[in-house]
Amino acid sequence: MTATPAAFPTIALVVRQNTDGIAAPVRSVVEFLQNAGHAVVFEAQTAEHLALSLPQVRVMTAAEIGTHCDAAIVMGGDGTMLGIARQLAPFDVPLIGINQGRLGFMTDIPLDGMLDVLAQILGGRYKADRRTLLEGRVMRDGATIHLGLAVNDVVVARGAGAGMAELRVDVDGHFMYNQRSDGLIISTATGSTAYALSAGGPLLHPSLGGIVMVPIAPHALSNRPIVLSETSEIVVEIVRGRDISVNFDMQTFASLAWQDQIVIRRSPHTITFLHPEDWSYYNTLREKLHWNEHPSHDGKLN
């Protein structure tokens, strides 16, 4: 198959750092793109760690990629995708994921056969999957001391050696509850298959765009996960607890103090994943969560 550069003349390549054996696949992707007429750009940290000498490949920061590139190919795991997605969200650059990690919910194209799939997508045969993000402000004494963006989730959690955290939660100006727990996960639909799921939260189809709120090991067993409207504004206030931090996709802002507030709402930015034509959210769930496995007579999974 031959890709056409018409829709995506300039493509950035973002590669997970310290990945054994990645140089050869990266070289093959670059050569494929260049032979098809695309200009290729390395993201700055990718260029620094790969140390590949490839002709006619420029190096750009994430902000420069957002301004000058028409798509970005991410070779790595979901963590690599999360990192670049947060940076490119304000620029609406579509993302294509080649899986070099474990699960690969967002980097869904397998390394084997990746060039054929890239040819289809760059040739215009793809499914566009738009996802919402969350933004959060950490407020202290009425002033913003930190801003964060999350593709998956915003997590308020106690320190490893600390006791329970007590949190006050308000939604759209209405008091919801005071919660004693190990923490609270506020998740997008994308993040509903991540930490929120392991804490007992529901799966939320990405098209719904709601916000999932999941307590982590709550003291009151009646304190259950809830799905909120995508227009909700959530305020989490630190009432009591030590070593409490807030994480945006596992990027930590630590040392929260008593009466600090985290104000969370849907971000005005979105991200778009480009998938193969035969991609299905339900196929992904079956494959990644092993819903299609059945125990055999010897007790092993088939």
C-alpha atoms as a PDB file:
ATOM      1  CA  MET A   1       0.000   0.000   0.000  1.00  0.00           C
ATOM      2  CA  THR A   2       1.161   3.531  -0.671  1.00  0.00           C
ATOM      3  CA  ALA A   3       0.304   6.404   1.632  1.00  0.00           C
ATOM      4  CA  THR A   4      -0.448   9.858   0.337  1.00  0.00           C
ATOM      5  CA  PRO A   5       1.022  12.965   2.022  1.00  0.00           C
ATOM      6  CA  ALA A   6      -1.939  15.139   1.031  1.00  0.00           C
ATOM      7  CA  ALA A   7      -3.805  15.100   4.353  1.00  0.00           C
ATOM      8  CA  PHE A   8      -0.752  14.743   6.619  1.00  0.00           C
ATOM      9  CA  PRO A   9       2.209  16.449   4.931  1.00  0.00           C
ATOM     10  CA  THR A  10       4.292  16.732   8.128  1.00  0.00           C
ATOM     11  CA  ILE A  11       4.290  13.981  10.745  1.00  0.00           C
ATOM     12  CA  ALA A  12       6.013  13.971  14.141  1.00  0.00           C
ATOM     13  CA  LEU A  13       7.440  10.828  15.707  1.00  0.00           C
ATOM     14  CA  VAL A  14       7.421  10.388  19.478  1.00  0.00           C
ATOM     15  CA  VAL A  15       9.194   7.321  20.887  1.00  0.00           C
ATOM     16  CA  ARG A  16       9.309   5.912  24.411  1.00  0.00           C
ATOM     17  CA  GLN A  17      12.711   6.359  25.981  1.00  0.00           C
ATOM     18  CA  ASN A  18      15.028   3.474  26.860  1.00  0.00           C
ATOM     19  CA  THR A  19      13.188   0.863  24.789  1.00  0.00           C
ATOM     20  CA  ASP A  20      15.383  -2.057  23.746  1.00  0.00           C
ATOM     21  CA  GLY A  21      15.459  -2.795  20.040  1.00  0.00           C
ATOM     22  CA  ILE A  22      13.405   0.280  19.085  1.00  0.00           C
ATOM     23  CA  ALA A  23      15.963   1.788  16.665  1.00  0.00           C
ATOM     24  CA  ALA A  24      15.191  -0.588  13.781  1.00  0.00           C
ATOM     25  CA  PRO A  25      11.373  -0.118  13.903  1.00  0.00           C
ATOM     26  CA  VAL A  26      11.823   3.660  14.154  1.00  0.00           C
ATOM     27  CA  ARG A  27      14.125   3.668  11.150  1.00  0.00           C
ATOM     28  CA  SER A  28      11.609   1.626   9.128  1.00  0.00           C
ATOM     29  CA  VAL A  29       8.770   4.025  10.022  1.00  0.00           C
ATOM     30  CA  VAL A  30      10.862   7.065   9.063  1.00  0.00           C
ATOM     31  CA  GLU A  31      11.894   5.521   5.736  1.00  0.00           C
ATOM     32  CA  PHE A  32       8.296   4.495   5.006  1.00  0.00           C
ATOM     33  CA  LEU A  33       6.988   8.004   5.691  1.00  0.00           C
ATOM     34  CA  GLN A  34       9.710   9.713   3.682  1.00  0.00           C
ATOM     35  CA  ASN A  35       9.285   7.367   0.732  1.00  0.00           C
ATOM     36  CA  ALA A  36       5.557   8.177   0.781  1.00  0.00           C
ATOM     37  CA  GLY A  37       6.287  11.917   0.577  1.00  0.00           C
ATOM     38  CA  HIS A  38       5.769  12.945   4.208  1.00  0.00           C
ATOM     39  CA  ALA A  39       8.140  15.281   6.023  1.00  0.00           C
ATOM     40  CA  VAL A  40       9.245  13.678   9.301  1.00  0.00           C
ATOM     41  CA  VAL A  41       9.975  15.400  12.603  1.00  0.00           C
ATOM     42  CA  PHE A  42      11.454  13.943  15.780  1.00  0.00           C
ATOM     43  CA  GLU A  43      10.134  15.173  19.107  1.00  0.00           C
ATOM     44  CA  ALA A  44      13.100  16.701  20.978  1.00  0.00           C
ATOM     45  CA  GLN A  45      13.426  14.082  23.754  1.00  0.00           C
ATOM     46  CA  THR A  46      13.018  11.308  21.194  1.00  0.00           C
ATOM     47  CA  ALA A  47      15.898  12.709  19.155  1.00  0.00           C
ATOM     48  CA  GLU A  48      18.060  13.080  22.271  1.00  0.00           C
ATOM     49  CA  HIS A  49      17.623   9.496  23.450  1.00  0.00           C
ATOM     50  CA  LEU A  50      17.506   7.670  20.102  1.00  0.00           C
ATOM     51  CA  ALA A  51      20.709   9.202  18.758  1.00  0.00           C
ATOM     52  CA  LEU A  52      19.821   8.011  15.250  1.00  0.00           C
ATOM     53  CA  SER A  53      21.442   9.678  12.283  1.00  0.00           C
ATOM     54  CA  LEU A  54      18.630   9.966   9.770  1.00  0.00           C
ATOM     55  CA  PRO A  55      18.614  12.365   6.808  1.00  0.00           C
ATOM     56  CA  GLN A  56      16.044  15.147   6.485  1.00  0.00           C
ATOM     57  CA  VAL A  57      14.511  14.583   9.924  1.00  0.00           C
ATOM     58  CA  ARG A  58      14.044  17.805  11.861  1.00  0.00           C
ATOM     59  CA  VAL A  59      13.806  18.081  15.637  1.00  0.00           C
ATOM     60  CA  MET A  60      11.025  20.049  17.333  1.00  0.00           C
ATOM     61  CA  THR A  61       9.673  20.646  20.810  1.00  0.00           C
ATOM     62  CA  ALA A  62       6.111  19.590  21.590  1.00  0.00           C
ATOM     63  CA  ALA A  63       4.885  23.163  21.153  1.00  0.00           C
ATOM     64  CA  GLU A  64       6.592  23.399  17.759  1.00  0.00           C
ATOM     65  CA  ILE A  65       5.068  20.077  16.744  1.00  0.00           C
ATOM     66  CA  GLY A  66       1.656  21.460  17.710  1.00  0.00           C
ATOM     67  CA  THR A  67       2.197  24.454  15.449  1.00  0.00           C
ATOM     68  CA  HIS A  68       3.835  22.779  12.438  1.00  0.00           C
ATOM     69  CA  CYS A  69       2.764  19.116  12.289  1.00  0.00           C
ATOM     70  CA  ASP A  70      -0.409  17.548  10.927  1.00  0.00           C
ATOM     71  CA  ALA A  71      -0.265  14.302  12.952  1.00  0.00           C
ATOM     72  CA  ALA A  72       1.939  12.564  15.505  1.00  0.00           C
ATOM     73  CA  ILE A  73       2.862   8.886  15.595  1.00  0.00           C
ATOM     74  CA  VAL A  74       3.586   7.617  19.101  1.00  0.00           C
ATOM     75  CA  MET A  75       5.710   4.481  19.482  1.00  0.00           C
ATOM     76  CA  GLY A  76       5.490   3.360  23.099  1.00  0.00           C
ATOM     77  CA  GLY A  77       2.973   2.491  25.757  1.00  0.00           C
ATOM     78  CA  ASP A  78      -0.026   4.382  27.069  1.00  0.00           C
ATOM     79  CA  GLY A  79       2.241   6.380  29.385  1.00  0.00           C
ATOM     80  CA  THR A  80       4.130   7.788  26.408  1.00  0.00           C
ATOM     81  CA  MET A  81       0.834   8.614  24.728  1.00  0.00           C
ATOM     82  CA  LEU A  82      -0.508  10.351  27.849  1.00  0.00           C
ATOM     83  CA  GLY A  83       2.590  12.528  28.113  1.00  0.00           C
ATOM     84  CA  ILE A  84       2.518  13.847  24.555  1.00  0.00           C
ATOM     85  CA  ALA A  85      -1.305  14.025  24.415  1.00  0.00           C
ATOM     86  CA  ARG A  86      -1.390  16.503  27.308  1.00  0.00           C
ATOM     87  CA  GLN A  87       1.171  18.693  25.536  1.00  0.00           C
ATOM     88  CA  LEU A  88      -0.503  18.563  22.113  1.00  0.00           C
ATOM     89  CA  ALA A  89      -4.122  18.894  23.296  1.00  0.00           C
ATOM     90  CA  PRO A  90      -4.214  22.707  22.815  1.00  0.00           C
ATOM     91  CA  PHE A  91      -3.154  22.245  19.171  1.00  0.00           C
ATOM     92  CA  ASP A  92      -5.630  19.517  18.106  1.00  0.00           C
ATOM     93  CA  VAL A  93      -2.950  17.366  16.450  1.00  0.00           C
ATOM     94  CA  PRO A  94      -4.331  13.836  15.822  1.00  0.00           C
ATOM     95  CA  LEU A  95      -2.407  10.961  17.407  1.00  0.00           C
ATOM     96  CA  ILE A  96      -1.603   7.499  16.037  1.00  0.00           C
ATOM     97  CA  GLY A  97      -0.353   4.899  18.531  1.00  0.00           C
ATOM     98  CA  ILE A  98       2.016   1.986  17.835  1.00  0.00           C
ATOM     99  CA  ASN A  99       2.186  -0.270  20.869  1.00  0.00           C
ATOM    100  CA  GLN A 100       5.571  -0.781  22.512  1.00  0.00           C
ATOM    101  CA  GLY A 101       4.123  -1.175  26.003  1.00  0.00           C
ATOM    102  CA  ARG A 102       1.953  -3.714  27.799  1.00  0.00           C
ATOM    103  CA  LEU A 103      -1.790  -2.985  27.626  1.00  0.00           C
ATOM    104  CA  GLY A 104      -1.957  -0.456  24.823  1.00  0.00           C
ATOM    105  CA  PHE A 105      -5.475   0.964  25.243  1.00  0.00           C
ATOM    106  CA  MET A 106      -4.376   4.114  23.392  1.00  0.00           C
ATOM    107  CA  THR A 107      -1.343   2.810  21.483  1.00  0.00           C
ATOM    108  CA  ASP A 108      -3.345   0.132  19.747  1.00  0.00           C
ATOM    109  CA  ILE A 109      -1.443  -0.688  16.524  1.00  0.00           C
ATOM    110  CA  PRO A 110       0.795  -3.766  16.960  1.00  0.00           C
ATOM    111  CA  LEU A 111       4.420  -3.492  15.882  1.00  0.00           C
ATOM    112  CA  ASP A 112       3.972  -6.450  13.569  1.00  0.00           C
ATOM    113  CA  GLY A 113       2.320  -5.160  10.398  1.00  0.00           C
ATOM    114  CA  MET A 114       2.432  -1.530  11.506  1.00  0.00           C
ATOM    115  CA  LEU A 115       3.477  -0.155   8.101  1.00  0.00           C
ATOM    116  CA  ASP A 116       0.403  -1.583   6.355  1.00  0.00           C
ATOM    117  CA  VAL A 117      -1.832  -0.071   9.036  1.00  0.00           C
ATOM    118  CA  LEU A 118      -0.056   3.297   8.794  1.00  0.00           C
ATOM    119  CA  ALA A 119      -0.551   3.244   5.032  1.00  0.00           C
ATOM    120  CA  GLN A 120      -4.286   2.792   5.504  1.00  0.00           C
ATOM    121  CA  ILE A 121      -4.625   5.523   8.121  1.00  0.00           C
ATOM    122  CA  LEU A 122      -2.451   8.081   6.343  1.00  0.00           C
ATOM    123  CA  GLY A 123      -4.265   7.239   3.122  1.00  0.00           C
ATOM    124  CA  GLY A 124      -7.534   8.362   4.680  1.00  0.00           C
ATOM    125  CA  ARG A 125      -8.983   5.030   5.826  1.00  0.00           C
ATOM    126  CA  TYR A 126      -9.310   5.428   9.579  1.00  0.00           C
ATOM    127  CA  LYS A 127     -11.704   5.973  12.479  1.00  0.00           C
ATOM    128  CA  ALA A 128     -11.302   9.262  14.365  1.00  0.00           C
ATOM    129  CA  ASP A 129     -11.876   8.887  18.109  1.00  0.00           C
ATOM    130  CA  ARG A 130     -12.187  12.191  20.006  1.00  0.00           C
ATOM    131  CA  ARG A 131     -11.609  12.172  23.771  1.00  0.00           C
ATOM    132  CA  THR A 132     -12.202  14.725  26.502  1.00  0.00           C
ATOM    133  CA  LEU A 133      -9.682  15.826  29.136  1.00  0.00           C
ATOM    134  CA  LEU A 134      -9.878  17.230  32.653  1.00  0.00           C
ATOM    135  CA  GLU A 135      -8.213  20.358  33.957  1.00  0.00           C
ATOM    136  CA  GLY A 136      -7.541  21.059  37.603  1.00  0.00           C
ATOM    137  CA  ARG A 137      -6.508  24.077  39.662  1.00  0.00           C
ATOM    138  CA  VAL A 138      -4.942  23.757  43.082  1.00  0.00           C
ATOM    139  CA  MET A 139      -6.191  26.698  45.157  1.00  0.00           C
ATOM    140  CA  ARG A 140      -4.619  27.992  48.371  1.00  0.00           C
ATOM    141  CA  ASP A 141      -5.992  31.033  50.181  1.00  0.00           C
ATOM    142  CA  GLY A 142      -7.967  31.971  47.066  1.00  0.00           C
ATOM    143  CA  ALA A 143      -4.939  31.894  44.725  1.00  0.00           C
ATOM    144  CA  THR A 144      -4.075  29.303  42.068  1.00  0.00           C
ATOM    145  CA  ILE A 145      -0.767  27.632  42.935  1.00  0.00           C
ATOM    146  CA  HIS A 146      -0.821  24.857  40.318  1.00  0.00           C
ATOM    147  CA  LEU A 147      -2.570  24.045  37.044  1.00  0.00           C
ATOM    148  CA  GLY A 148      -2.801  20.527  35.642  1.00  0.00           C
ATOM    149  CA  LEU A 149      -4.261  18.692  32.651  1.00  0.00           C
ATOM    150  CA  ALA A 150      -5.255  15.014  32.615  1.00  0.00           C
ATOM    151  CA  VAL A 151      -6.201  12.622  29.843  1.00  0.00           C
ATOM    152  CA  ASN A 152      -6.940   9.786  32.300  1.00  0.00           C
ATOM    153  CA  ASP A 153      -7.538  11.101  35.795  1.00  0.00           C
ATOM    154  CA  VAL A 154      -6.939  13.513  38.629  1.00  0.00           C
ATOM    155  CA  VAL A 155      -6.164  11.607  41.839  1.00  0.00           C
ATOM    156  CA  VAL A 156      -6.112  13.040  45.359  1.00  0.00           C
ATOM    157  CA  ALA A 157      -4.388  10.526  47.645  1.00  0.00           C
ATOM    158  CA  ARG A 158      -2.760  10.142  51.027  1.00  0.00           C
ATOM    159  CA  GLY A 159       0.942   9.389  51.463  1.00  0.00           C
ATOM    160  CA  ALA A 160       2.185   5.820  51.800  1.00  0.00           C
ATOM    161  CA  GLY A 161       2.808   6.030  55.530  1.00  0.00           C
ATOM    162  CA  ALA A 162      -0.057   8.361  56.416  1.00  0.00           C
ATOM    163  CA  GLY A 163      -3.496   7.638  57.829  1.00  0.00           C
ATOM    164  CA  MET A 164      -6.769   8.182  56.035  1.00  0.00           C
ATOM    165  CA  ALA A 165      -7.455  11.445  54.249  1.00  0.00           C
ATOM    166  CA  GLU A 166     -10.636  13.369  54.963  1.00  0.00           C
ATOM    167  CA  LEU A 167     -11.948  15.204  51.924  1.00  0.00           C
ATOM    168  CA  ARG A 168     -14.933  17.486  51.412  1.00  0.00           C
ATOM    169  CA  VAL A 169     -16.473  17.179  47.955  1.00  0.00           C
ATOM    170  CA  ASP A 170     -18.768  19.750  46.339  1.00  0.00           C
ATOM    171  CA  VAL A 171     -20.291  19.413  42.858  1.00  0.00           C
ATOM    172  CA  ASP A 172     -21.634  22.473  41.034  1.00  0.00           C
ATOM    173  CA  GLY A 173     -21.738  24.417  44.290  1.00  0.00           C
ATOM    174  CA  HIS A 174     -23.685  21.697  46.135  1.00  0.00           C
ATOM    175  CA  PHE A 175     -22.189  19.820  49.086  1.00  0.00           C
ATOM    176  CA  MET A 176     -21.920  16.107  48.244  1.00  0.00           C
ATOM    177  CA  TYR A 177     -20.122  14.514  51.214  1.00  0.00           C
ATOM    178  CA  ASN A 178     -17.196  14.429  53.584  1.00  0.00           C
ATOM    179  CA  GLN A 179     -15.235  11.312  52.770  1.00  0.00           C
ATOM    180  CA  ARG A 180     -12.631   9.434  54.812  1.00  0.00           C
ATOM    181  CA  SER A 181     -10.615   7.200  52.512  1.00  0.00           C
ATOM    182  CA  ASP A 182      -7.214   6.575  50.970  1.00  0.00           C
ATOM    183  CA  GLY A 183      -8.124   9.095  48.289  1.00  0.00           C
ATOM    184  CA  LEU A 184     -10.400   9.991  45.419  1.00  0.00           C
ATOM    185  CA  ILE A 185     -10.119   9.391  41.658  1.00  0.00           C
ATOM    186  CA  ILE A 186     -11.784  11.840  39.273  1.00  0.00           C
ATOM    187  CA  SER A 187     -11.605  10.248  35.838  1.00  0.00           C
ATOM    188  CA  THR A 188     -12.462  10.841  32.211  1.00  0.00           C
ATOM    189  CA  ALA A 189     -14.109   8.123  30.149  1.00  0.00           C
ATOM    190  CA  THR A 190     -10.639   7.328  28.796  1.00  0.00           C
ATOM    191  CA  GLY A 191      -9.342   6.874  32.347  1.00  0.00           C
ATOM    192  CA  SER A 192     -12.263   4.659  33.322  1.00  0.00           C
ATOM    193  CA  THR A 193     -10.229   1.666  32.085  1.00  0.00           C
ATOM    194  CA  ALA A 194      -7.201   2.687  34.183  1.00  0.00           C
ATOM    195  CA  TYR A 195      -6.828   3.381  37.931  1.00  0.00           C
ATOM    196  CA  ALA A 196     -10.552   4.045  38.356  1.00  0.00           C
ATOM    197  CA  LEU A 197     -11.353   0.539  37.117  1.00  0.00           C
ATOM    198  CA  SER A 198      -8.913  -1.089  39.563  1.00  0.00           C
ATOM    199  CA  ALA A 199     -10.599   0.844  42.397  1.00  0.00           C
ATOM    200  CA  GLY A 200     -14.009  -0.558  41.444  1.00  0.00           C
ATOM    201  CA  GLY A 201     -15.251   2.180  39.153  1.00  0.00           C
ATOM    202  CA  PRO A 202     -17.494   1.655  36.106  1.00  0.00           C
ATOM    203  CA  LEU A 203     -16.423   1.543  32.490  1.00  0.00           C
ATOM    204  CA  LEU A 204     -17.643   4.621  30.650  1.00  0.00           C
ATOM    205  CA  HIS A 205     -17.939   4.638  26.864  1.00  0.00           C
ATOM    206  CA  PRO A 206     -15.819   7.500  25.461  1.00  0.00           C
ATOM    207  CA  SER A 207     -18.733   8.968  23.512  1.00  0.00           C
ATOM    208  CA  LEU A 208     -20.562   9.774  26.758  1.00  0.00           C
ATOM    209  CA  GLY A 209     -17.968  12.285  27.924  1.00  0.00           C
ATOM    210  CA  GLY A 210     -19.026  12.095  31.583  1.00  0.00           C
ATOM    211  CA  ILE A 211     -16.802  12.335  34.647  1.00  0.00           C
ATOM    212  CA  VAL A 212     -16.322   9.305  36.895  1.00  0.00           C
ATOM    213  CA  MET A 213     -15.667   9.821  40.618  1.00  0.00           C
ATOM    214  CA  VAL A 214     -14.319   6.786  42.495  1.00  0.00           C
ATOM    215  CA  PRO A 215     -13.300   6.666  46.187  1.00  0.00           C
ATOM    216  CA  ILE A 216     -10.152   4.695  47.044  1.00  0.00           C
ATOM    217  CA  ALA A 217     -10.777   2.288  49.941  1.00  0.00           C
ATOM    218  CA  PRO A 218     -13.461   4.445  51.602  1.00  0.00           C
ATOM    219  CA  HIS A 219     -14.104   4.102  55.334  1.00  0.00           C
ATOM    220  CA  ALA A 220     -17.864   4.017  54.714  1.00  0.00           C
ATOM    221  CA  LEU A 221     -18.735   1.094  52.445  1.00  0.00           C
ATOM    222  CA  SER A 222     -21.834   2.990  51.301  1.00  0.00           C
ATOM    223  CA  ASN A 223     -19.550   5.538  49.609  1.00  0.00           C
ATOM    224  CA  ARG A 224     -19.777   4.338  46.001  1.00  0.00           C
ATOM    225  CA  PRO A 225     -18.521   5.444  42.569  1.00  0.00           C
ATOM    226  CA  ILE A 226     -20.693   7.929  40.698  1.00  0.00           C
ATOM    227  CA  VAL A 227     -20.836   9.202  37.102  1.00  0.00           C
ATOM    228  CA  LEU A 228     -21.299  12.964  36.850  1.00  0.00           C
ATOM    229  CA  SER A 229     -22.286  15.207  33.967  1.00  0.00           C
ATOM    230  CA  GLU A 230     -19.435  16.329  31.728  1.00  0.00           C
ATOM    231  CA  THR A 231     -20.343  19.931  32.609  1.00  0.00           C
ATOM    232  CA  SER A 232     -19.814  19.389  36.347  1.00  0.00           C
ATOM    233  CA  GLU A 233     -17.350  21.395  38.400  1.00  0.00           C
ATOM    234  CA  ILE A 234     -15.926  19.365  41.268  1.00  0.00           C
ATOM    235  CA  VAL A 235     -14.230  20.941  44.281  1.00  0.00           C
ATOM    236  CA  VAL A 236     -12.202  18.659  46.558  1.00  0.00           C
ATOM    237  CA  GLU A 237     -11.079  20.316  49.799  1.00  0.00           C
ATOM    238  CA  ILE A 238      -8.466  18.894  52.163  1.00  0.00           C
ATOM    239  CA  VAL A 239     -10.163  18.648  55.574  1.00  0.00           C
ATOM    240  CA  ARG A 240      -7.682  16.419  57.395  1.00  0.00           C
ATOM    241  CA  GLY A 241      -4.728  14.179  56.635  1.00  0.00           C
ATOM    242  CA  ARG A 242      -0.944  14.088  56.168  1.00  0.00           C
ATOM    243  CA  ASP A 243       1.223  13.881  53.050  1.00  0.00           C
ATOM    244  CA  ILE A 244      -1.716  14.320  50.679  1.00  0.00           C
ATOM    245  CA  SER A 245      -0.896  14.875  47.012  1.00  0.00           C
ATOM    246  CA  VAL A 246      -2.771  15.442  43.779  1.00  0.00           C
ATOM    247  CA  ASN A 247      -1.737  13.629  40.596  1.00  0.00           C
ATOM    248  CA  PHE A 248      -2.591  14.546  37.011  1.00  0.00           C
ATOM    249  CA  ASP A 249      -2.071  11.331  34.995  1.00  0.00           C
ATOM    250  CA  MET A 250       0.433  10.322  37.699  1.00  0.00           C
ATOM    251  CA  GLN A 251       2.271  13.654  37.450  1.00  0.00           C
ATOM    252  CA  THR A 252       2.421  14.647  41.119  1.00  0.00           C
ATOM    253  CA  PHE A 253       1.869  17.969  42.823  1.00  0.00           C
ATOM    254  CA  ALA A 254       2.695  17.127  46.427  1.00  0.00           C
ATOM    255  CA  SER A 255       2.464  18.752  49.864  1.00  0.00           C
ATOM    256  CA  LEU A 256      -1.170  19.766  49.858  1.00  0.00           C
ATOM    257  CA  ALA A 257      -2.145  21.681  52.981  1.00  0.00           C
ATOM    258  CA  TRP A 258      -5.253  21.869  55.156  1.00  0.00           C
ATOM    259  CA  GLN A 259      -8.049  23.772  53.348  1.00  0.00           C
ATOM    260  CA  ASP A 260      -6.340  23.540  49.949  1.00  0.00           C
ATOM    261  CA  GLN A 261      -8.910  23.018  47.203  1.00  0.00           C
ATOM    262  CA  ILE A 262      -8.617  21.186  43.885  1.00  0.00           C
ATOM    263  CA  VAL A 263     -11.120  22.544  41.370  1.00  0.00           C
ATOM    264  CA  ILE A 264     -11.715  20.081  38.529  1.00  0.00           C
ATOM    265  CA  ARG A 265     -13.739  20.496  35.356  1.00  0.00           C
ATOM    266  CA  ARG A 266     -13.736  19.336  31.771  1.00  0.00           C
ATOM    267  CA  SER A 267     -10.974  20.935  29.721  1.00  0.00           C
ATOM    268  CA  PRO A 268     -11.941  22.956  26.632  1.00  0.00           C
ATOM    269  CA  HIS A 269      -9.295  20.926  24.769  1.00  0.00           C
ATOM    270  CA  THR A 270      -9.796  17.452  23.319  1.00  0.00           C
ATOM    271  CA  ILE A 271      -7.494  14.886  21.759  1.00  0.00           C
ATOM    272  CA  THR A 272      -8.159  12.760  18.685  1.00  0.00           C
ATOM    273  CA  PHE A 273      -6.851   9.234  18.155  1.00  0.00           C
ATOM    274  CA  LEU A 274      -6.745   7.823  14.633  1.00  0.00           C
ATOM    275  CA  HIS A 275      -7.485   4.103  14.578  1.00  0.00           C
ATOM    276  CA  PRO A 276      -7.574   1.500  11.773  1.00  0.00           C
ATOM    277  CA  GLU A 277     -10.894   1.203   9.952  1.00  0.00           C
ATOM    278  CA  ASP A 278     -11.760  -2.071  11.696  1.00  0.00           C
ATOM    279  CA  TRP A 279     -11.063  -0.675  15.188  1.00  0.00           C
ATOM    280  CA  SER A 280     -13.797  -1.117  17.790  1.00  0.00           C
ATOM    281  CA  TYR A 281     -13.900   0.058  21.410  1.00  0.00           C
ATOM    282  CA  TYR A 282     -15.549  -3.237  22.337  1.00  0.00           C
ATOM    283  CA  ASN A 283     -12.861  -5.252  20.574  1.00  0.00           C
ATOM    284  CA  THR A 284     -10.295  -3.324  22.595  1.00  0.00           C
ATOM    285  CA  LEU A 285     -12.085  -4.114  25.859  1.00  0.00           C
ATOM    286  CA  ARG A 286     -12.297  -7.802  24.986  1.00  0.00           C
ATOM    287  CA  GLU A 287      -8.640  -7.987  24.046  1.00  0.00           C
ATOM    288  CA  LYS A 288      -7.159  -5.882  26.846  1.00  0.00           C
ATOM    289  CA  LEU A 289      -9.455  -7.043  29.655  1.00  0.00           C
ATOM    290  CA  HIS A 290      -9.517 -10.671  28.427  1.00  0.00           C
ATOM    291  CA  TRP A 291     -13.292 -10.863  28.259  1.00  0.00           C
ATOM    292  CA  ASN A 292     -12.988 -13.484  25.527  1.00  0.00           C
ATOM    293  CA  GLU A 293     -11.097 -15.946  27.715  1.00  0.00           C
ATOM    294  CA  HIS A 294     -12.845 -19.040  29.051  1.00  0.00           C
ATOM    295  CA  PRO A 295     -11.503 -21.624  31.520  1.00  0.00           C
ATOM    296  CA  SER A 296     -10.756 -24.996  29.978  1.00  0.00           C
ATOM    297  CA  HIS A 297     -11.245 -28.343  31.710  1.00  0.00           C
ATOM    298  CA  ASP A 298      -7.730 -28.182  33.210  1.00  0.00           C
ATOM    299  CA  GLY A 299      -8.423 -24.754  34.713  1.00  0.00           C
ATOM    300  CA  LYS A 300      -6.247 -22.794  32.271  1.00  0.00           C
ATOM    301  CA  LEU A 301      -7.527 -19.859  30.268  1.00  0.00           C
ATOM    302  CA  ASN A 302      -8.056 -20.328  26.539  1.00  0.00           C
END
